[in-house]
Amino acid sequence: MLVLKRWHTISEWRAADAIVRPESGWDPCEHYPSTHDCRYTGSSSCGIPQANPCPLSWRGRLFQTRWAQVRWFVAYVANRYGDPLRALAYRRIHNSY
């Protein structure tokens, strides 16, 4: 829902999903390297967007911050790329976003 409020087209939603699905599978408790632990307290990439470093406010409570993680993802993509279509194009070329 948060993603759809910002990006309204199916192609934008699919691009956002194509970025997040391989990163975390939309699992708020995912952290690098490919581990599921909702109590993760480290600084490696974490959460739905695989924010790097893992924000201090999320550490140790990844599941409880799932909405903040989605908001972070939406803001990051909007500020850096403008929309998820451009972010996905960048990801496909550079294998990161």
PDB file of N, CA and C in Angstrom:
ATOM      1  N   MET A   1       0.817  -1.190   0.000  1.00  0.00           N
ATOM      2  CA  MET A   1       0.000   0.000   0.000  1.00  0.00           C
ATOM      3  C   MET A   1       0.866   1.263   0.000  1.00  0.00           C
ATOM      4  N   LEU A   2       1.906   1.281   0.835  1.00  0.00           N
ATOM      5  CA  LEU A   2       2.787   2.449   0.867  1.00  0.00           C
ATOM      6  C   LEU A   2       3.467   2.676  -0.477  1.00  0.00           C
ATOM      7  N   VAL A   3       3.849   1.584  -1.124  1.00  0.00           N
ATOM      8  CA  VAL A   3       4.496   1.698  -2.425  1.00  0.00           C
ATOM      9  C   VAL A   3       3.506   2.228  -3.451  1.00  0.00           C
ATOM     10  N   LEU A   4       2.276   1.732  -3.414  1.00  0.00           N
ATOM     11  CA  LEU A   4       1.265   2.169  -4.379  1.00  0.00           C
ATOM     12  C   LEU A   4       0.847   3.619  -4.185  1.00  0.00           C
ATOM     13  N   LYS A   5       0.972   4.151  -2.970  1.00  0.00           N
ATOM     14  CA  LYS A   5       0.649   5.565  -2.753  1.00  0.00           C
ATOM     15  C   LYS A   5       1.627   6.468  -3.496  1.00  0.00           C
ATOM     16  N   ARG A   6       2.874   6.032  -3.606  1.00  0.00           N
ATOM     17  CA  ARG A   6       3.904   6.839  -4.258  1.00  0.00           C
ATOM     18  C   ARG A   6       3.943   6.578  -5.761  1.00  0.00           C
ATOM     19  N   TRP A   7       3.881   5.293  -6.131  1.00  0.00           N
ATOM     20  CA  TRP A   7       3.967   4.896  -7.531  1.00  0.00           C
ATOM     21  C   TRP A   7       2.673   4.214  -7.919  1.00  0.00           C
ATOM     22  N   HIS A   8       2.018   4.740  -8.944  1.00  0.00           N
ATOM     23  CA  HIS A   8       0.644   4.348  -9.236  1.00  0.00           C
ATOM     24  C   HIS A   8       0.477   3.342 -10.367  1.00  0.00           C
ATOM     25  N   THR A   9       1.485   3.129 -11.169  1.00  0.00           N
ATOM     26  CA  THR A   9       1.296   2.236 -12.313  1.00  0.00           C
ATOM     27  C   THR A   9       1.764   0.826 -11.980  1.00  0.00           C
ATOM     28  N   ILE A  10       1.206  -0.112 -12.707  1.00  0.00           N
ATOM     29  CA  ILE A  10       1.598  -1.518 -12.548  1.00  0.00           C
ATOM     30  C   ILE A  10       3.081  -1.688 -12.876  1.00  0.00           C
ATOM     31  N   SER A  11       3.568  -0.984 -13.887  1.00  0.00           N
ATOM     32  CA  SER A  11       4.985  -1.128 -14.248  1.00  0.00           C
ATOM     33  C   SER A  11       5.896  -0.612 -13.137  1.00  0.00           C
ATOM     34  N   GLU A  12       5.488   0.447 -12.448  1.00  0.00           N
ATOM     35  CA  GLU A  12       6.282   0.941 -11.320  1.00  0.00           C
ATOM     36  C   GLU A  12       6.264  -0.066 -10.165  1.00  0.00           C
ATOM     37  N   TRP A  13       5.096  -0.636  -9.876  1.00  0.00           N
ATOM     38  CA  TRP A  13       5.011  -1.649  -8.826  1.00  0.00           C
ATOM     39  C   TRP A  13       5.869  -2.866  -9.190  1.00  0.00           C
ATOM     40  N   ARG A  14       5.784  -3.316 -10.428  1.00  0.00           N
ATOM     41  CA  ARG A  14       6.584  -4.478 -10.843  1.00  0.00           C
ATOM     42  C   ARG A  14       8.073  -4.188 -10.757  1.00  0.00           C
ATOM     43  N   ALA A  15       8.474  -2.980 -11.096  1.00  0.00           N
ATOM     44  CA  ALA A  15       9.887  -2.613 -10.985  1.00  0.00           C
ATOM     45  C   ALA A  15      10.329  -2.608  -9.526  1.00  0.00           C
ATOM     46  N   ALA A  16       9.497  -2.046  -8.639  1.00  0.00           N
ATOM     47  CA  ALA A  16       9.825  -2.055  -7.209  1.00  0.00           C
ATOM     48  C   ALA A  16       9.940  -3.487  -6.709  1.00  0.00           C
ATOM     49  N   ASP A  17       9.014  -4.331  -7.111  1.00  0.00           N
ATOM     50  CA  ASP A  17       9.045  -5.732  -6.704  1.00  0.00           C
ATOM     51  C   ASP A  17      10.285  -6.437  -7.256  1.00  0.00           C
ATOM     52  N   ALA A  18      10.666  -6.122  -8.483  1.00  0.00           N
ATOM     53  CA  ALA A  18      11.847  -6.732  -9.090  1.00  0.00           C
ATOM     54  C   ALA A  18      13.132  -6.321  -8.378  1.00  0.00           C
ATOM     55  N   ILE A  19      13.118  -5.195  -7.711  1.00  0.00           N
ATOM     56  CA  ILE A  19      14.276  -4.766  -6.923  1.00  0.00           C
ATOM     57  C   ILE A  19      14.273  -5.475  -5.568  1.00  0.00           C
ATOM     58  N   VAL A  20      13.142  -5.462  -4.891  1.00  0.00           N
ATOM     59  CA  VAL A  20      13.070  -5.978  -3.519  1.00  0.00           C
ATOM     60  C   VAL A  20      13.095  -7.501  -3.455  1.00  0.00           C
ATOM     61  N   ARG A  21      12.393  -8.169  -4.354  1.00  0.00           N
ATOM     62  CA  ARG A  21      12.272  -9.626  -4.269  1.00  0.00           C
ATOM     63  C   ARG A  21      13.628 -10.329  -4.203  1.00  0.00           C
ATOM     64  N   PRO A  22      14.596 -10.036  -5.068  1.00  0.00           N
ATOM     65  CA  PRO A  22      15.885 -10.730  -4.938  1.00  0.00           C
ATOM     66  C   PRO A  22      16.716 -10.260  -3.742  1.00  0.00           C
ATOM     67  N   GLU A  23      16.459  -9.054  -3.259  1.00  0.00           N
ATOM     68  CA  GLU A  23      17.211  -8.537  -2.116  1.00  0.00           C
ATOM     69  C   GLU A  23      16.766  -9.192  -0.813  1.00  0.00           C
ATOM     70  N   SER A  24      15.449  -9.218  -0.568  1.00  0.00           N
ATOM     71  CA  SER A  24      14.946  -9.713   0.720  1.00  0.00           C
ATOM     72  C   SER A  24      13.703 -10.581   0.599  1.00  0.00           C
ATOM     73  N   GLY A  25      13.105 -10.642  -0.576  1.00  0.00           N
ATOM     74  CA  GLY A  25      11.847 -11.367  -0.715  1.00  0.00           C
ATOM     75  C   GLY A  25      10.727 -10.729   0.084  1.00  0.00           C
ATOM     76  N   TRP A  26      10.848  -9.424   0.351  1.00  0.00           N
ATOM     77  CA  TRP A  26       9.903  -8.652   1.155  1.00  0.00           C
ATOM     78  C   TRP A  26       9.877  -9.132   2.615  1.00  0.00           C
ATOM     79  N   ASP A  27      10.957  -9.761   3.054  1.00  0.00           N
ATOM     80  CA  ASP A  27      11.073 -10.249   4.435  1.00  0.00           C
ATOM     81  C   ASP A  27      11.721  -9.161   5.286  1.00  0.00           C
ATOM     82  N   PRO A  28      10.995  -8.578   6.237  1.00  0.00           N
ATOM     83  CA  PRO A  28      11.562  -7.507   7.050  1.00  0.00           C
ATOM     84  C   PRO A  28      12.696  -7.970   7.953  1.00  0.00           C
ATOM     85  N   CYS A  29      12.817  -9.272   8.159  1.00  0.00           N
ATOM     86  CA  CYS A  29      13.847  -9.807   9.057  1.00  0.00           C
ATOM     87  C   CYS A  29      15.065 -10.337   8.317  1.00  0.00           C
ATOM     88  N   GLU A  30      15.131 -10.127   7.026  1.00  0.00           N
ATOM     89  CA  GLU A  30      16.267 -10.575   6.222  1.00  0.00           C
ATOM     90  C   GLU A  30      17.459  -9.666   6.461  1.00  0.00           C
ATOM     91  N   HIS A  31      18.629 -10.242   6.552  1.00  0.00           N
ATOM     92  CA  HIS A  31      19.855  -9.442   6.625  1.00  0.00           C
ATOM     93  C   HIS A  31      20.971 -10.171   5.921  1.00  0.00           C
ATOM     94  N   TYR A  32      21.974  -9.428   5.543  1.00  0.00           N
ATOM     95  CA  TYR A  32      23.100  -9.988   4.807  1.00  0.00           C
ATOM     96  C   TYR A  32      23.991 -10.745   5.769  1.00  0.00           C
ATOM     97  N   PRO A  33      24.459 -11.902   5.408  1.00  0.00           N
ATOM     98  CA  PRO A  33      24.277 -12.613   4.139  1.00  0.00           C
ATOM     99  C   PRO A  33      23.111 -13.592   4.185  1.00  0.00           C
ATOM    100  N   SER A  34      22.049 -13.295   3.507  1.00  0.00           N
ATOM    101  CA  SER A  34      20.877 -14.158   3.329  1.00  0.00           C
ATOM    102  C   SER A  34      20.483 -14.940   4.577  1.00  0.00           C
ATOM    103  N   THR A  35      20.227 -14.234   5.643  1.00  0.00           N
ATOM    104  CA  THR A  35      19.838 -14.846   6.907  1.00  0.00           C
ATOM    105  C   THR A  35      18.573 -14.179   7.422  1.00  0.00           C
ATOM    106  N   HIS A  36      17.713 -14.968   8.024  1.00  0.00           N
ATOM    107  CA  HIS A  36      16.476 -14.454   8.604  1.00  0.00           C
ATOM    108  C   HIS A  36      16.646 -14.422  10.122  1.00  0.00           C
ATOM    109  N   ASP A  37      16.613 -13.234  10.698  1.00  0.00           N
ATOM    110  CA  ASP A  37      16.725 -13.081  12.147  1.00  0.00           C
ATOM    111  C   ASP A  37      16.116 -11.739  12.523  1.00  0.00           C
ATOM    112  N   CYS A  38      14.921 -11.769  13.095  1.00  0.00           N
ATOM    113  CA  CYS A  38      14.225 -10.536  13.456  1.00  0.00           C
ATOM    114  C   CYS A  38      14.927  -9.768  14.565  1.00  0.00           C
ATOM    115  N   ARG A  39      15.832 -10.416  15.284  1.00  0.00           N
ATOM    116  CA  ARG A  39      16.558  -9.764  16.379  1.00  0.00           C
ATOM    117  C   ARG A  39      17.972  -9.345  15.974  1.00  0.00           C
ATOM    118  N   TYR A  40      18.231  -9.306  14.685  1.00  0.00           N
ATOM    119  CA  TYR A  40      19.551  -8.943  14.175  1.00  0.00           C
ATOM    120  C   TYR A  40      19.965  -7.563  14.695  1.00  0.00           C
ATOM    121  N   THR A  41      21.188  -7.461  15.204  1.00  0.00           N
ATOM    122  CA  THR A  41      21.679  -6.193  15.758  1.00  0.00           C
ATOM    123  C   THR A  41      22.929  -5.681  15.070  1.00  0.00           C
ATOM    124  N   GLY A  42      23.351  -6.339  14.007  1.00  0.00           N
ATOM    125  CA  GLY A  42      24.571  -5.939  13.321  1.00  0.00           C
ATOM    126  C   GLY A  42      24.369  -4.753  12.394  1.00  0.00           C
ATOM    127  N   SER A  43      25.444  -4.404  11.702  1.00  0.00           N
ATOM    128  CA  SER A  43      25.395  -3.232  10.825  1.00  0.00           C
ATOM    129  C   SER A  43      25.339  -3.584   9.344  1.00  0.00           C
ATOM    130  N   SER A  44      25.391  -4.855   8.980  1.00  0.00           N
ATOM    131  CA  SER A  44      25.313  -5.238   7.568  1.00  0.00           C
ATOM    132  C   SER A  44      23.931  -4.897   7.010  1.00  0.00           C
ATOM    133  N   SER A  45      23.770  -5.024   5.724  1.00  0.00           N
ATOM    134  CA  SER A  45      22.498  -4.744   5.059  1.00  0.00           C
ATOM    135  C   SER A  45      21.371  -5.504   5.738  1.00  0.00           C
ATOM    136  N   CYS A  46      20.213  -4.826   5.867  1.00  0.00           N
ATOM    137  CA  CYS A  46      19.106  -5.484   6.556  1.00  0.00           C
ATOM    138  C   CYS A  46      17.762  -4.991   6.063  1.00  0.00           C
ATOM    139  N   GLY A  47      16.743  -5.801   6.392  1.00  0.00           N
ATOM    140  CA  GLY A  47      15.371  -5.412   6.145  1.00  0.00           C
ATOM    141  C   GLY A  47      14.910  -5.598   4.718  1.00  0.00           C
ATOM    142  N   ILE A  48      13.700  -5.150   4.472  1.00  0.00           N
ATOM    143  CA  ILE A  48      13.082  -5.261   3.154  1.00  0.00           C
ATOM    144  C   ILE A  48      13.955  -4.610   2.083  1.00  0.00           C
ATOM    145  N   PRO A  49      14.473  -3.399   2.306  1.00  0.00           N
ATOM    146  CA  PRO A  49      15.275  -2.769   1.258  1.00  0.00           C
ATOM    147  C   PRO A  49      16.748  -3.159   1.289  1.00  0.00           C
ATOM    148  N   GLN A  50      17.157  -3.964   2.286  1.00  0.00           N
ATOM    149  CA  GLN A  50      18.568  -4.278   2.500  1.00  0.00           C
ATOM    150  C   GLN A  50      19.376  -2.987   2.635  1.00  0.00           C
ATOM    151  N   ALA A  51      18.890  -2.119   3.511  1.00  0.00           N
ATOM    152  CA  ALA A  51      19.558  -0.846   3.800  1.00  0.00           C
ATOM    153  C   ALA A  51      20.958  -1.136   4.338  1.00  0.00           C
ATOM    154  N   ASN A  52      21.932  -0.416   3.814  1.00  0.00           N
ATOM    155  CA  ASN A  52      23.318  -0.632   4.210  1.00  0.00           C
ATOM    156  C   ASN A  52      23.974   0.701   4.529  1.00  0.00           C
ATOM    157  N   PRO A  53      24.398   0.885   5.780  1.00  0.00           N
ATOM    158  CA  PRO A  53      24.323  -0.052   6.898  1.00  0.00           C
ATOM    159  C   PRO A  53      22.911  -0.116   7.461  1.00  0.00           C
ATOM    160  N   CYS A  54      22.657  -1.176   8.202  1.00  0.00           N
ATOM    161  CA  CYS A  54      21.354  -1.350   8.848  1.00  0.00           C
ATOM    162  C   CYS A  54      21.144  -0.183   9.815  1.00  0.00           C
ATOM    163  N   PRO A  55      20.069   0.588   9.647  1.00  0.00           N
ATOM    164  CA  PRO A  55      19.835   1.727  10.538  1.00  0.00           C
ATOM    165  C   PRO A  55      19.765   1.307  12.013  1.00  0.00           C
ATOM    166  N   LEU A  56      20.348   2.105  12.867  1.00  0.00           N
ATOM    167  CA  LEU A  56      20.354   1.811  14.299  1.00  0.00           C
ATOM    168  C   LEU A  56      18.948   1.603  14.847  1.00  0.00           C
ATOM    169  N   SER A  57      18.000   2.387  14.373  1.00  0.00           N
ATOM    170  CA  SER A  57      16.631   2.302  14.899  1.00  0.00           C
ATOM    171  C   SER A  57      15.936   1.000  14.518  1.00  0.00           C
ATOM    172  N   TRP A  58      16.451   0.250  13.556  1.00  0.00           N
ATOM    173  CA  TRP A  58      15.853  -1.010  13.159  1.00  0.00           C
ATOM    174  C   TRP A  58      16.484  -2.196  13.880  1.00  0.00           C
ATOM    175  N   ARG A  59      17.715  -2.037  14.321  1.00  0.00           N
ATOM    176  CA  ARG A  59      18.478  -3.166  14.865  1.00  0.00           C
ATOM    177  C   ARG A  59      17.813  -3.765  16.092  1.00  0.00           C
ATOM    178  N   GLY A  60      17.737  -5.088  16.087  1.00  0.00           N
ATOM    179  CA  GLY A  60      17.137  -5.816  17.193  1.00  0.00           C
ATOM    180  C   GLY A  60      15.627  -5.895  17.141  1.00  0.00           C
ATOM    181  N   ARG A  61      15.017  -5.213  16.173  1.00  0.00           N
ATOM    182  CA  ARG A  61      13.552  -5.220  16.065  1.00  0.00           C
ATOM    183  C   ARG A  61      13.112  -5.061  14.618  1.00  0.00           C
ATOM    184  N   LEU A  62      13.674  -5.885  13.757  1.00  0.00           N
ATOM    185  CA  LEU A  62      13.405  -5.753  12.331  1.00  0.00           C
ATOM    186  C   LEU A  62      11.924  -5.926  11.981  1.00  0.00           C
ATOM    187  N   PHE A  63      11.253  -6.898  12.587  1.00  0.00           N
ATOM    188  CA  PHE A  63       9.850  -7.106  12.227  1.00  0.00           C
ATOM    189  C   PHE A  63       8.998  -5.897  12.607  1.00  0.00           C
ATOM    190  N   GLN A  64       9.256  -5.308  13.758  1.00  0.00           N
ATOM    191  CA  GLN A  64       8.463  -4.164  14.212  1.00  0.00           C
ATOM    192  C   GLN A  64       8.676  -2.926  13.344  1.00  0.00           C
ATOM    193  N   THR A  65       9.761  -2.874  12.599  1.00  0.00           N
ATOM    194  CA  THR A  65      10.061  -1.695  11.773  1.00  0.00           C
ATOM    195  C   THR A  65       9.727  -1.905  10.298  1.00  0.00           C
ATOM    196  N   ARG A  66       8.943  -2.913   9.981  1.00  0.00           N
ATOM    197  CA  ARG A  66       8.682  -3.238   8.577  1.00  0.00           C
ATOM    198  C   ARG A  66       8.086  -2.076   7.795  1.00  0.00           C
ATOM    199  N   TRP A  67       7.202  -1.277   8.392  1.00  0.00           N
ATOM    200  CA  TRP A  67       6.617  -0.143   7.669  1.00  0.00           C
ATOM    201  C   TRP A  67       7.656   0.955   7.478  1.00  0.00           C
ATOM    202  N   ALA A  68       8.514   1.155   8.457  1.00  0.00           N
ATOM    203  CA  ALA A  68       9.607   2.119   8.305  1.00  0.00           C
ATOM    204  C   ALA A  68      10.556   1.663   7.204  1.00  0.00           C
ATOM    205  N   GLN A  69      10.744   0.378   7.083  1.00  0.00           N
ATOM    206  CA  GLN A  69      11.618  -0.157   6.038  1.00  0.00           C
ATOM    207  C   GLN A  69      11.055   0.134   4.647  1.00  0.00           C
ATOM    208  N   VAL A  70       9.751  -0.036   4.488  1.00  0.00           N
ATOM    209  CA  VAL A  70       9.127   0.248   3.194  1.00  0.00           C
ATOM    210  C   VAL A  70       9.194   1.750   2.906  1.00  0.00           C
ATOM    211  N   ARG A  71       8.927   2.568   3.930  1.00  0.00           N
ATOM    212  CA  ARG A  71       9.038   4.026   3.734  1.00  0.00           C
ATOM    213  C   ARG A  71      10.470   4.404   3.352  1.00  0.00           C
ATOM    214  N   TRP A  72      11.458   3.789   3.983  1.00  0.00           N
ATOM    215  CA  TRP A  72      12.860   4.048   3.668  1.00  0.00           C
ATOM    216  C   TRP A  72      13.132   3.697   2.212  1.00  0.00           C
ATOM    217  N   PHE A  73      12.659   2.528   1.782  1.00  0.00           N
ATOM    218  CA  PHE A  73      12.848   2.086   0.400  1.00  0.00           C
ATOM    219  C   PHE A  73      12.239   3.068  -0.592  1.00  0.00           C
ATOM    220  N   VAL A  74      10.997   3.458  -0.346  1.00  0.00           N
ATOM    221  CA  VAL A  74      10.307   4.385  -1.249  1.00  0.00           C
ATOM    222  C   VAL A  74      11.048   5.712  -1.316  1.00  0.00           C
ATOM    223  N   ALA A  75      11.442   6.256  -0.180  1.00  0.00           N
ATOM    224  CA  ALA A  75      12.159   7.539  -0.151  1.00  0.00           C
ATOM    225  C   ALA A  75      13.517   7.414  -0.834  1.00  0.00           C
ATOM    226  N   TYR A  76      14.222   6.337  -0.578  1.00  0.00           N
ATOM    227  CA  TYR A  76      15.552   6.134  -1.178  1.00  0.00           C
ATOM    228  C   TYR A  76      15.449   6.092  -2.704  1.00  0.00           C
ATOM    229  N   VAL A  77      14.539   5.274  -3.208  1.00  0.00           N
ATOM    230  CA  VAL A  77      14.382   5.155  -4.662  1.00  0.00           C
ATOM    231  C   VAL A  77      13.931   6.486  -5.255  1.00  0.00           C
ATOM    232  N   ALA A  78      12.969   7.151  -4.633  1.00  0.00           N
ATOM    233  CA  ALA A  78      12.471   8.428  -5.149  1.00  0.00           C
ATOM    234  C   ALA A  78      13.569   9.486  -5.161  1.00  0.00           C
ATOM    235  N   ASN A  79      14.342   9.559  -4.097  1.00  0.00           N
ATOM    236  CA  ASN A  79      15.388  10.586  -4.011  1.00  0.00           C
ATOM    237  C   ASN A  79      16.580  10.300  -4.916  1.00  0.00           C
ATOM    238  N   ARG A  80      16.952   9.050  -5.044  1.00  0.00           N
ATOM    239  CA  ARG A  80      18.146   8.723  -5.831  1.00  0.00           C
ATOM    240  C   ARG A  80      17.854   8.563  -7.318  1.00  0.00           C
ATOM    241  N   TYR A  81      16.700   7.949  -7.651  1.00  0.00           N
ATOM    242  CA  TYR A  81      16.419   7.615  -9.052  1.00  0.00           C
ATOM    243  C   TYR A  81      15.179   8.300  -9.616  1.00  0.00           C
ATOM    244  N   GLY A  82      14.282   8.745  -8.772  1.00  0.00           N
ATOM    245  CA  GLY A  82      13.045   9.349  -9.235  1.00  0.00           C
ATOM    246  C   GLY A  82      11.885   8.378  -9.216  1.00  0.00           C
ATOM    247  N   ASP A  83      12.120   7.164  -9.685  1.00  0.00           N
ATOM    248  CA  ASP A  83      11.073   6.139  -9.680  1.00  0.00           C
ATOM    249  C   ASP A  83      11.718   4.761  -9.767  1.00  0.00           C
ATOM    250  N   PRO A  84      10.946   3.707  -9.487  1.00  0.00           N
ATOM    251  CA  PRO A  84      11.518   2.365  -9.482  1.00  0.00           C
ATOM    252  C   PRO A  84      11.928   1.853 -10.857  1.00  0.00           C
ATOM    253  N   LEU A  85      11.357   2.398 -11.918  1.00  0.00           N
ATOM    254  CA  LEU A  85      11.765   1.976 -13.264  1.00  0.00           C
ATOM    255  C   LEU A  85      13.218   2.352 -13.521  1.00  0.00           C
ATOM    256  N   ARG A  86      13.592   3.555 -13.148  1.00  0.00           N
ATOM    257  CA  ARG A  86      14.992   3.986 -13.301  1.00  0.00           C
ATOM    258  C   ARG A  86      15.908   3.231 -12.344  1.00  0.00           C
ATOM    259  N   ALA A  87      15.415   2.963 -11.141  1.00  0.00           N
ATOM    260  CA  ALA A  87      16.215   2.200 -10.170  1.00  0.00           C
ATOM    261  C   ALA A  87      16.467   0.785 -10.682  1.00  0.00           C
ATOM    262  N   LEU A  88      15.462   0.177 -11.272  1.00  0.00           N
ATOM    263  CA  LEU A  88      15.620  -1.173 -11.809  1.00  0.00           C
ATOM    264  C   LEU A  88      16.579  -1.177 -12.986  1.00  0.00           C
ATOM    265  N   ALA A  89      16.494  -0.182 -13.849  1.00  0.00           N
ATOM    266  CA  ALA A  89      17.428  -0.092 -14.972  1.00  0.00           C
ATOM    267  C   ALA A  89      18.863   0.012 -14.452  1.00  0.00           C
ATOM    268  N   TYR A  90      19.079   0.821 -13.434  1.00  0.00           N
ATOM    269  CA  TYR A  90      20.401   0.947 -12.823  1.00  0.00           C
ATOM    270  C   TYR A  90      20.833  -0.394 -12.231  1.00  0.00           C
ATOM    271  N   ARG A  91      19.930  -1.059 -11.523  1.00  0.00           N
ATOM    272  CA  ARG A  91      20.253  -2.338 -10.886  1.00  0.00           C
ATOM    273  C   ARG A  91      20.672  -3.371 -11.918  1.00  0.00           C
ATOM    274  N   ARG A  92      19.983  -3.384 -13.049  1.00  0.00           N
ATOM    275  CA  ARG A  92      20.308  -4.365 -14.085  1.00  0.00           C
ATOM    276  C   ARG A  92      21.690  -4.125 -14.689  1.00  0.00           C
ATOM    277  N   ILE A  93      22.120  -2.890 -14.743  1.00  0.00           N
ATOM    278  CA  ILE A  93      23.438  -2.576 -15.296  1.00  0.00           C
ATOM    279  C   ILE A  93      24.529  -2.800 -14.250  1.00  0.00           C
ATOM    280  N   HIS A  94      24.289  -2.353 -13.014  1.00  0.00           N
ATOM    281  CA  HIS A  94      25.338  -2.357 -11.988  1.00  0.00           C
ATOM    282  C   HIS A  94      25.199  -3.450 -10.929  1.00  0.00           C
ATOM    283  N   ASN A  95      24.124  -4.238 -10.991  1.00  0.00           N
ATOM    284  CA  ASN A  95      23.860  -5.310 -10.038  1.00  0.00           C
ATOM    285  C   ASN A  95      23.757  -4.823  -8.595  1.00  0.00           C
ATOM    286  N   SER A  96      23.332  -3.594  -8.428  1.00  0.00           N
ATOM    287  CA  SER A  96      23.024  -3.031  -7.116  1.00  0.00           C
ATOM    288  C   SER A  96      22.109  -1.839  -7.357  1.00  0.00           C
ATOM    289  N   TYR A  97      21.520  -1.330  -6.304  1.00  0.00           N
ATOM    290  CA  TYR A  97      20.675  -0.146  -6.472  1.00  0.00           C
ATOM    291  C   TYR A  97      20.954   0.827  -5.372  1.00  0.00           C
TER     292      TYR A  97
END
